[in-house]
Amino acid sequence: MTPEEKRKAATAEKRQQKSAARLYAVQALYQMEQSGQTMERVAREFESHRFGMVVDGVEFSDADSGHFRLLLDGAVNWQARIDQMTDRALVAAWPIDRIDPVLRALFRAAGAELLSPGTPPKVVITEFVDVAKAFFPDRKEPKFVNAVLDHMAREAKPEAFGQ
């Protein structure tokens, strides 16, 4: 393998681990809400038992632990701000506390990434629409997620959209 091929493989692996971190962050935030467990306890459980686990012969992806922690920390520390952004993106009749708890966790994780420097908003939207597809295959939720996240991204980072 040439040095360029090694670099491309490493970049692809890092990208895949960040994608896995997003999926795990949604699961962890959901678990925290449902169980009342602390962020630290849930994060340690995911890092020690879920990242890369094998279930029924299927190996789950390893994840970028730093990105996973960034999303959890941001979702917890900025929850009120993220929930307000989400509420503004939702139809008035559907405040965030009335939506599916998986979607609520997804919006919080995505909101944390949108409020953090680094990842372009359009990448965040694409990545979390893919997460929605994983949780809701063959349903309308991914389109809904796309619309809500687009609104949230335009509010969080208007400069990325030429506004």
N, C-alpha and C. Protein backbone atom coordinates (compact mmCIF):
# COMPACT_ATOMS: atom_id res chain seq x y z
N MET A 1 0.85 -1.17 0.00
CA MET A 1 0.00 0.00 0.00
C MET A 1 0.89 1.24 0.00
N THR A 2 0.59 2.15 -0.90
CA THR A 2 1.38 3.39 -1.00
C THR A 2 1.07 4.30 0.18
N PRO A 3 1.94 5.27 0.45
CA PRO A 3 1.65 6.23 1.53
C PRO A 3 0.32 6.98 1.30
N GLU A 4 0.02 7.32 0.05
CA GLU A 4 -1.24 8.01 -0.26
C GLU A 4 -2.44 7.10 0.03
N GLU A 5 -2.34 5.83 -0.33
CA GLU A 5 -3.42 4.88 -0.06
C GLU A 5 -3.60 4.69 1.45
N LYS A 6 -2.50 4.66 2.19
CA LYS A 6 -2.58 4.53 3.65
C LYS A 6 -3.26 5.75 4.26
N ARG A 7 -2.92 6.94 3.77
CA ARG A 7 -3.53 8.16 4.27
C ARG A 7 -5.03 8.17 3.98
N LYS A 8 -5.41 7.79 2.77
CA LYS A 8 -6.83 7.75 2.42
C LYS A 8 -7.58 6.73 3.26
N ALA A 9 -6.96 5.58 3.51
CA ALA A 9 -7.60 4.55 4.35
C ALA A 9 -7.76 5.05 5.78
N ALA A 10 -6.75 5.73 6.29
CA ALA A 10 -6.83 6.27 7.65
C ALA A 10 -7.90 7.35 7.75
N THR A 11 -8.00 8.18 6.73
CA THR A 11 -9.02 9.23 6.71
C THR A 11 -10.42 8.62 6.66
N ALA A 12 -10.60 7.59 5.84
CA ALA A 12 -11.90 6.92 5.74
C ALA A 12 -12.26 6.25 7.07
N GLU A 13 -11.28 5.65 7.72
CA GLU A 13 -11.51 4.99 9.01
C GLU A 13 -11.92 6.02 10.06
N LYS A 14 -11.25 7.16 10.09
CA LYS A 14 -11.57 8.23 11.05
C LYS A 14 -12.99 8.75 10.80
N ARG A 15 -13.34 8.94 9.54
CA ARG A 15 -14.68 9.41 9.18
C ARG A 15 -15.74 8.41 9.65
N GLN A 16 -15.46 7.12 9.44
CA GLN A 16 -16.40 6.08 9.85
C GLN A 16 -16.55 6.04 11.37
N GLN A 17 -15.46 6.26 12.09
CA GLN A 17 -15.52 6.27 13.56
C GLN A 17 -16.31 7.48 14.07
N LYS A 18 -16.22 8.61 13.39
CA LYS A 18 -17.03 9.78 13.77
C LYS A 18 -18.50 9.50 13.51
N SER A 19 -18.81 8.86 12.39
CA SER A 19 -20.20 8.50 12.09
C SER A 19 -20.75 7.57 13.17
N ALA A 20 -19.94 6.59 13.57
CA ALA A 20 -20.36 5.67 14.63
C ALA A 20 -20.55 6.42 15.94
N ALA A 21 -19.69 7.38 16.23
CA ALA A 21 -19.82 8.18 17.46
C ALA A 21 -21.16 8.91 17.49
N ARG A 22 -21.61 9.39 16.34
CA ARG A 22 -22.90 10.09 16.28
C ARG A 22 -24.05 9.14 16.60
N LEU A 23 -24.01 7.96 16.02
CA LEU A 23 -25.05 6.96 16.29
C LEU A 23 -25.05 6.57 17.77
N TYR A 24 -23.88 6.30 18.31
CA TYR A 24 -23.78 5.94 19.73
C TYR A 24 -24.21 7.09 20.63
N ALA A 25 -23.93 8.32 20.25
CA ALA A 25 -24.33 9.47 21.06
C ALA A 25 -25.85 9.56 21.15
N VAL A 26 -26.54 9.31 20.04
CA VAL A 26 -28.00 9.32 20.07
C VAL A 26 -28.50 8.22 21.00
N GLN A 27 -27.92 7.03 20.89
CA GLN A 27 -28.32 5.93 21.77
C GLN A 27 -28.05 6.27 23.23
N ALA A 28 -26.91 6.86 23.51
CA ALA A 28 -26.55 7.19 24.89
C ALA A 28 -27.47 8.26 25.46
N LEU A 29 -27.77 9.29 24.68
CA LEU A 29 -28.68 10.34 25.14
C LEU A 29 -30.08 9.77 25.39
N TYR A 30 -30.51 8.87 24.54
CA TYR A 30 -31.80 8.21 24.75
C TYR A 30 -31.77 7.42 26.05
N GLN A 31 -30.71 6.66 26.25
CA GLN A 31 -30.58 5.85 27.46
C GLN A 31 -30.56 6.73 28.71
N MET A 32 -29.85 7.84 28.65
CA MET A 32 -29.79 8.76 29.79
C MET A 32 -31.19 9.28 30.13
N GLU A 33 -31.95 9.66 29.11
CA GLU A 33 -33.29 10.19 29.35
C GLU A 33 -34.21 9.13 29.92
N GLN A 34 -34.14 7.92 29.38
CA GLN A 34 -35.05 6.87 29.80
C GLN A 34 -34.71 6.30 31.18
N SER A 35 -33.42 6.22 31.49
CA SER A 35 -33.00 5.57 32.74
C SER A 35 -32.68 6.53 33.87
N GLY A 36 -32.45 7.80 33.53
CA GLY A 36 -32.06 8.76 34.55
C GLY A 36 -30.60 8.61 34.98
N GLN A 37 -29.82 7.82 34.25
CA GLN A 37 -28.40 7.64 34.57
C GLN A 37 -27.61 8.89 34.19
N THR A 38 -26.47 9.08 34.84
CA THR A 38 -25.63 10.23 34.55
C THR A 38 -24.92 10.05 33.21
N MET A 39 -24.51 11.19 32.66
CA MET A 39 -23.78 11.16 31.41
C MET A 39 -22.49 10.35 31.56
N GLU A 40 -21.78 10.57 32.63
CA GLU A 40 -20.50 9.88 32.82
C GLU A 40 -20.68 8.36 32.89
N ARG A 41 -21.70 7.92 33.60
CA ARG A 41 -21.94 6.47 33.72
C ARG A 41 -22.28 5.85 32.36
N VAL A 42 -23.17 6.52 31.63
CA VAL A 42 -23.57 6.00 30.31
C VAL A 42 -22.39 6.05 29.34
N ALA A 43 -21.63 7.14 29.36
CA ALA A 43 -20.47 7.26 28.46
C ALA A 43 -19.47 6.14 28.72
N ARG A 44 -19.17 5.88 29.98
CA ARG A 44 -18.23 4.79 30.30
C ARG A 44 -18.75 3.44 29.84
N GLU A 45 -20.06 3.20 30.00
CA GLU A 45 -20.65 1.94 29.55
C GLU A 45 -20.47 1.77 28.04
N PHE A 46 -20.76 2.82 27.30
CA PHE A 46 -20.62 2.74 25.84
C PHE A 46 -19.17 2.52 25.45
N GLU A 47 -18.26 3.29 26.05
CA GLU A 47 -16.85 3.18 25.68
C GLU A 47 -16.25 1.83 26.05
N SER A 48 -16.68 1.25 27.15
CA SER A 48 -16.07 -0.02 27.57
C SER A 48 -16.80 -1.25 27.05
N HIS A 49 -18.09 -1.13 26.75
CA HIS A 49 -18.85 -2.33 26.36
C HIS A 49 -19.50 -2.29 24.99
N ARG A 50 -19.79 -1.12 24.47
CA ARG A 50 -20.55 -1.07 23.22
C ARG A 50 -19.70 -0.77 21.98
N PHE A 51 -18.71 0.08 22.13
CA PHE A 51 -17.87 0.38 20.96
C PHE A 51 -17.18 -0.91 20.52
N GLY A 52 -17.41 -1.32 19.29
CA GLY A 52 -16.74 -2.49 18.74
C GLY A 52 -17.23 -3.82 19.27
N MET A 53 -18.36 -3.86 19.97
CA MET A 53 -18.85 -5.12 20.53
C MET A 53 -19.32 -6.06 19.41
N VAL A 54 -19.40 -7.35 19.74
CA VAL A 54 -19.86 -8.36 18.80
C VAL A 54 -21.13 -8.98 19.38
N VAL A 55 -22.22 -8.94 18.60
CA VAL A 55 -23.49 -9.52 19.02
C VAL A 55 -23.96 -10.46 17.92
N ASP A 56 -24.18 -11.71 18.28
CA ASP A 56 -24.64 -12.72 17.32
C ASP A 56 -23.77 -12.73 16.06
N GLY A 57 -22.47 -12.64 16.24
CA GLY A 57 -21.52 -12.70 15.14
C GLY A 57 -21.39 -11.41 14.34
N VAL A 58 -22.13 -10.37 14.73
CA VAL A 58 -22.05 -9.08 14.04
C VAL A 58 -21.21 -8.14 14.88
N GLU A 59 -20.14 -7.60 14.27
CA GLU A 59 -19.27 -6.68 14.98
C GLU A 59 -19.76 -5.25 14.76
N PHE A 60 -19.99 -4.55 15.87
CA PHE A 60 -20.40 -3.16 15.81
C PHE A 60 -19.16 -2.31 15.60
N SER A 61 -19.35 -1.16 15.01
CA SER A 61 -18.23 -0.27 14.70
C SER A 61 -17.58 0.26 15.96
N ASP A 62 -16.29 0.49 15.85
CA ASP A 62 -15.59 1.23 16.89
C ASP A 62 -15.94 2.69 16.65
N ALA A 63 -15.79 3.52 17.66
CA ALA A 63 -16.18 4.92 17.52
C ALA A 63 -15.07 5.84 17.99
N ASP A 64 -15.12 7.06 17.50
CA ASP A 64 -14.22 8.12 17.93
C ASP A 64 -14.71 8.58 19.31
N SER A 65 -14.02 8.16 20.35
CA SER A 65 -14.43 8.45 21.71
C SER A 65 -14.45 9.95 22.00
N GLY A 66 -13.49 10.68 21.47
CA GLY A 66 -13.45 12.12 21.67
C GLY A 66 -14.66 12.81 21.08
N HIS A 67 -15.06 12.38 19.87
CA HIS A 67 -16.24 12.98 19.24
C HIS A 67 -17.51 12.59 19.99
N PHE A 68 -17.58 11.35 20.42
CA PHE A 68 -18.71 10.86 21.22
C PHE A 68 -18.87 11.72 22.47
N ARG A 69 -17.77 11.96 23.18
CA ARG A 69 -17.80 12.77 24.40
C ARG A 69 -18.17 14.23 24.09
N LEU A 70 -17.65 14.76 22.99
CA LEU A 70 -17.99 16.13 22.59
C LEU A 70 -19.50 16.27 22.39
N LEU A 71 -20.11 15.30 21.73
CA LEU A 71 -21.55 15.36 21.48
C LEU A 71 -22.34 15.23 22.77
N LEU A 72 -21.95 14.30 23.63
CA LEU A 72 -22.67 14.14 24.90
C LEU A 72 -22.52 15.39 25.77
N ASP A 73 -21.28 15.87 25.92
CA ASP A 73 -21.05 17.06 26.74
C ASP A 73 -21.85 18.25 26.21
N GLY A 74 -21.80 18.46 24.90
CA GLY A 74 -22.53 19.57 24.30
C GLY A 74 -24.02 19.44 24.47
N ALA A 75 -24.54 18.22 24.28
CA ALA A 75 -25.99 18.00 24.42
C ALA A 75 -26.45 18.26 25.84
N VAL A 76 -25.64 17.87 26.81
CA VAL A 76 -26.01 18.08 28.22
C VAL A 76 -25.83 19.55 28.61
N ASN A 77 -24.68 20.12 28.28
CA ASN A 77 -24.38 21.48 28.70
C ASN A 77 -25.20 22.55 27.98
N TRP A 78 -25.57 22.27 26.74
CA TRP A 78 -26.33 23.24 25.95
C TRP A 78 -27.76 22.78 25.69
N GLN A 79 -28.26 21.87 26.51
CA GLN A 79 -29.58 21.27 26.26
C GLN A 79 -30.68 22.32 26.12
N ALA A 80 -30.74 23.28 27.01
CA ALA A 80 -31.80 24.30 26.93
C ALA A 80 -31.72 25.06 25.61
N ARG A 81 -30.52 25.46 25.23
CA ARG A 81 -30.34 26.20 23.97
C ARG A 81 -30.71 25.33 22.77
N ILE A 82 -30.27 24.08 22.78
CA ILE A 82 -30.57 23.16 21.68
C ILE A 82 -32.07 22.90 21.60
N ASP A 83 -32.70 22.66 22.75
CA ASP A 83 -34.15 22.41 22.75
C ASP A 83 -34.92 23.63 22.23
N GLN A 84 -34.45 24.83 22.57
CA GLN A 84 -35.12 26.04 22.05
C GLN A 84 -34.95 26.15 20.53
N MET A 85 -33.76 25.83 20.04
CA MET A 85 -33.53 25.82 18.58
C MET A 85 -34.45 24.80 17.91
N THR A 86 -34.56 23.64 18.53
CA THR A 86 -35.40 22.57 17.98
C THR A 86 -36.86 23.00 17.99
N ASP A 87 -37.31 23.57 19.10
CA ASP A 87 -38.69 24.05 19.19
C ASP A 87 -39.00 25.05 18.08
N ARG A 88 -38.07 25.95 17.81
CA ARG A 88 -38.30 26.95 16.75
C ARG A 88 -38.37 26.29 15.37
N ALA A 89 -37.71 25.16 15.23
CA ALA A 89 -37.72 24.46 13.94
C ALA A 89 -38.95 23.57 13.77
N LEU A 90 -39.59 23.23 14.88
CA LEU A 90 -40.77 22.37 14.83
C LEU A 90 -42.03 23.21 14.65
N VAL A 91 -43.06 22.59 14.19
CA VAL A 91 -44.37 23.24 14.11
C VAL A 91 -44.80 23.58 15.54
N ALA A 92 -45.42 24.71 15.73
CA ALA A 92 -45.81 25.18 17.06
C ALA A 92 -46.61 24.14 17.85
N ALA A 93 -47.38 23.34 17.16
CA ALA A 93 -48.20 22.34 17.85
C ALA A 93 -47.37 21.14 18.34
N TRP A 94 -46.11 21.08 17.96
CA TRP A 94 -45.28 19.93 18.32
C TRP A 94 -44.01 20.36 19.03
N PRO A 95 -44.11 20.79 20.28
CA PRO A 95 -42.89 21.13 21.02
C PRO A 95 -42.02 19.89 21.23
N ILE A 96 -40.76 20.11 21.50
CA ILE A 96 -39.80 19.00 21.58
C ILE A 96 -40.21 17.93 22.58
N ASP A 97 -40.89 18.30 23.66
CA ASP A 97 -41.26 17.29 24.64
C ASP A 97 -42.37 16.36 24.16
N ARG A 98 -42.97 16.65 23.00
CA ARG A 98 -44.01 15.78 22.46
C ARG A 98 -43.52 14.88 21.33
N ILE A 99 -42.26 15.01 20.92
CA ILE A 99 -41.78 14.18 19.82
C ILE A 99 -41.16 12.89 20.35
N ASP A 100 -40.95 11.95 19.47
CA ASP A 100 -40.37 10.66 19.79
C ASP A 100 -39.05 10.86 20.55
N PRO A 101 -38.81 10.11 21.63
CA PRO A 101 -37.59 10.31 22.41
C PRO A 101 -36.30 10.01 21.62
N VAL A 102 -36.36 9.14 20.63
CA VAL A 102 -35.17 8.89 19.80
C VAL A 102 -34.88 10.14 18.97
N LEU A 103 -35.91 10.76 18.41
CA LEU A 103 -35.71 11.98 17.64
C LEU A 103 -35.22 13.11 18.54
N ARG A 104 -35.73 13.18 19.75
CA ARG A 104 -35.28 14.21 20.69
C ARG A 104 -33.79 14.03 20.97
N ALA A 105 -33.35 12.79 21.19
CA ALA A 105 -31.92 12.52 21.42
C ALA A 105 -31.10 12.87 20.18
N LEU A 106 -31.63 12.56 19.00
CA LEU A 106 -30.94 12.88 17.76
C LEU A 106 -30.79 14.39 17.59
N PHE A 107 -31.85 15.14 17.83
CA PHE A 107 -31.76 16.60 17.70
C PHE A 107 -30.78 17.19 18.70
N ARG A 108 -30.72 16.61 19.89
CA ARG A 108 -29.78 17.13 20.89
C ARG A 108 -28.33 16.84 20.50
N ALA A 109 -28.07 15.63 20.01
CA ALA A 109 -26.71 15.31 19.57
C ALA A 109 -26.32 16.17 18.37
N ALA A 110 -27.21 16.29 17.40
CA ALA A 110 -26.93 17.11 16.22
C ALA A 110 -26.77 18.58 16.61
N GLY A 111 -27.61 19.05 17.50
CA GLY A 111 -27.51 20.43 17.97
C GLY A 111 -26.17 20.70 18.63
N ALA A 112 -25.69 19.73 19.41
CA ALA A 112 -24.38 19.88 20.05
C ALA A 112 -23.29 20.02 19.00
N GLU A 113 -23.38 19.22 17.94
CA GLU A 113 -22.35 19.31 16.90
C GLU A 113 -22.49 20.61 16.10
N LEU A 114 -23.70 21.05 15.88
CA LEU A 114 -23.90 22.32 15.17
C LEU A 114 -23.35 23.51 15.97
N LEU A 115 -23.42 23.45 17.28
CA LEU A 115 -22.94 24.54 18.12
C LEU A 115 -21.44 24.46 18.39
N SER A 116 -20.83 23.33 18.06
CA SER A 116 -19.38 23.16 18.25
C SER A 116 -18.65 23.58 16.97
N PRO A 117 -17.45 24.11 17.11
CA PRO A 117 -16.69 24.44 15.90
C PRO A 117 -16.18 23.17 15.23
N GLY A 118 -15.94 23.27 13.96
CA GLY A 118 -15.30 22.15 13.26
C GLY A 118 -16.09 21.61 12.10
N THR A 119 -17.11 20.83 12.37
CA THR A 119 -17.83 20.14 11.31
C THR A 119 -18.75 21.11 10.57
N PRO A 120 -18.66 21.17 9.25
CA PRO A 120 -19.57 22.03 8.48
C PRO A 120 -21.03 21.61 8.72
N PRO A 121 -21.94 22.56 8.82
CA PRO A 121 -23.34 22.24 9.10
C PRO A 121 -23.97 21.26 8.11
N LYS A 122 -23.62 21.38 6.84
CA LYS A 122 -24.21 20.47 5.86
C LYS A 122 -23.76 19.02 6.09
N VAL A 123 -22.55 18.84 6.60
CA VAL A 123 -22.06 17.50 6.94
C VAL A 123 -22.84 16.98 8.14
N VAL A 124 -23.05 17.84 9.14
CA VAL A 124 -23.83 17.43 10.32
C VAL A 124 -25.22 16.97 9.90
N ILE A 125 -25.87 17.74 9.05
CA ILE A 125 -27.22 17.38 8.58
C ILE A 125 -27.19 16.02 7.89
N THR A 126 -26.28 15.85 6.94
CA THR A 126 -26.20 14.58 6.21
C THR A 126 -25.95 13.41 7.14
N GLU A 127 -25.01 13.58 8.07
CA GLU A 127 -24.67 12.50 8.99
C GLU A 127 -25.86 12.11 9.88
N PHE A 128 -26.57 13.10 10.40
CA PHE A 128 -27.68 12.78 11.30
C PHE A 128 -28.93 12.32 10.55
N VAL A 129 -29.09 12.69 9.29
CA VAL A 129 -30.16 12.10 8.48
C VAL A 129 -29.85 10.61 8.30
N ASP A 130 -28.57 10.27 8.11
CA ASP A 130 -28.19 8.85 8.02
C ASP A 130 -28.47 8.11 9.32
N VAL A 131 -28.24 8.76 10.45
CA VAL A 131 -28.56 8.16 11.75
C VAL A 131 -30.08 7.92 11.83
N ALA A 132 -30.86 8.90 11.39
CA ALA A 132 -32.32 8.74 11.40
C ALA A 132 -32.74 7.55 10.53
N LYS A 133 -32.07 7.38 9.40
CA LYS A 133 -32.38 6.23 8.52
C LYS A 133 -32.08 4.91 9.21
N ALA A 134 -31.04 4.90 10.05
CA ALA A 134 -30.69 3.67 10.79
C ALA A 134 -31.78 3.32 11.81
N PHE A 135 -32.33 4.34 12.46
CA PHE A 135 -33.37 4.11 13.47
C PHE A 135 -34.76 3.96 12.87
N PHE A 136 -35.01 4.60 11.75
CA PHE A 136 -36.34 4.62 11.15
C PHE A 136 -36.27 4.25 9.66
N PRO A 137 -35.84 3.04 9.34
CA PRO A 137 -35.77 2.67 7.92
C PRO A 137 -37.17 2.62 7.30
N ASP A 138 -37.25 3.04 6.07
CA ASP A 138 -38.50 2.99 5.31
C ASP A 138 -39.62 3.81 5.93
N ARG A 139 -39.27 4.89 6.61
CA ARG A 139 -40.29 5.74 7.20
C ARG A 139 -40.01 7.20 6.85
N LYS A 140 -40.87 8.08 7.30
CA LYS A 140 -40.77 9.49 6.92
C LYS A 140 -39.85 10.30 7.82
N GLU A 141 -39.40 9.75 8.93
CA GLU A 141 -38.59 10.52 9.89
C GLU A 141 -37.32 11.13 9.30
N PRO A 142 -36.57 10.43 8.42
CA PRO A 142 -35.36 11.07 7.88
C PRO A 142 -35.64 12.40 7.16
N LYS A 143 -36.75 12.50 6.44
CA LYS A 143 -37.09 13.76 5.77
C LYS A 143 -37.42 14.83 6.80
N PHE A 144 -38.13 14.44 7.84
CA PHE A 144 -38.46 15.35 8.94
C PHE A 144 -37.19 15.84 9.62
N VAL A 145 -36.27 14.91 9.89
CA VAL A 145 -34.98 15.24 10.52
C VAL A 145 -34.22 16.23 9.64
N ASN A 146 -34.19 15.98 8.33
CA ASN A 146 -33.50 16.87 7.41
C ASN A 146 -34.06 18.29 7.51
N ALA A 147 -35.37 18.43 7.50
CA ALA A 147 -35.99 19.76 7.55
C ALA A 147 -35.70 20.47 8.87
N VAL A 148 -35.82 19.75 9.98
CA VAL A 148 -35.58 20.37 11.30
C VAL A 148 -34.11 20.76 11.44
N LEU A 149 -33.21 19.87 11.04
CA LEU A 149 -31.78 20.18 11.18
C LEU A 149 -31.35 21.30 10.25
N ASP A 150 -31.95 21.38 9.08
CA ASP A 150 -31.64 22.50 8.18
C ASP A 150 -32.00 23.82 8.87
N HIS A 151 -33.16 23.87 9.48
CA HIS A 151 -33.58 25.09 10.18
C HIS A 151 -32.63 25.39 11.34
N MET A 152 -32.30 24.36 12.13
CA MET A 152 -31.39 24.54 13.27
C MET A 152 -30.01 25.01 12.80
N ALA A 153 -29.52 24.43 11.72
CA ALA A 153 -28.19 24.79 11.21
C ALA A 153 -28.15 26.24 10.73
N ARG A 154 -29.21 26.66 10.07
CA ARG A 154 -29.28 28.05 9.59
C ARG A 154 -29.32 29.03 10.75
N GLU A 155 -29.91 28.61 11.87
CA GLU A 155 -29.92 29.47 13.06
C GLU A 155 -28.56 29.46 13.75
N ALA A 156 -27.97 28.27 13.88
CA ALA A 156 -26.69 28.15 14.61
C ALA A 156 -25.51 28.74 13.84
N LYS A 157 -25.49 28.54 12.51
CA LYS A 157 -24.36 28.97 11.71
C LYS A 157 -24.83 29.60 10.40
N PRO A 158 -25.49 30.75 10.47
CA PRO A 158 -26.04 31.37 9.25
C PRO A 158 -24.94 31.68 8.22
N GLU A 159 -23.73 31.94 8.68
CA GLU A 159 -22.64 32.28 7.76
C GLU A 159 -22.33 31.13 6.79
N ALA A 160 -22.63 29.91 7.19
CA ALA A 160 -22.37 28.75 6.32
C ALA A 160 -23.38 28.66 5.17
N PHE A 161 -24.44 29.45 5.26
CA PHE A 161 -25.50 29.40 4.25
C PHE A 161 -25.61 30.71 3.49
N GLY A 162 -24.63 31.59 3.69
CA GLY A 162 -24.62 32.87 2.97
C GLY A 162 -25.70 33.83 3.44
N GLN A 163 -26.10 33.72 4.69
CA GLN A 163 -27.15 34.60 5.22
C GLN A 163 -26.55 35.69 6.08
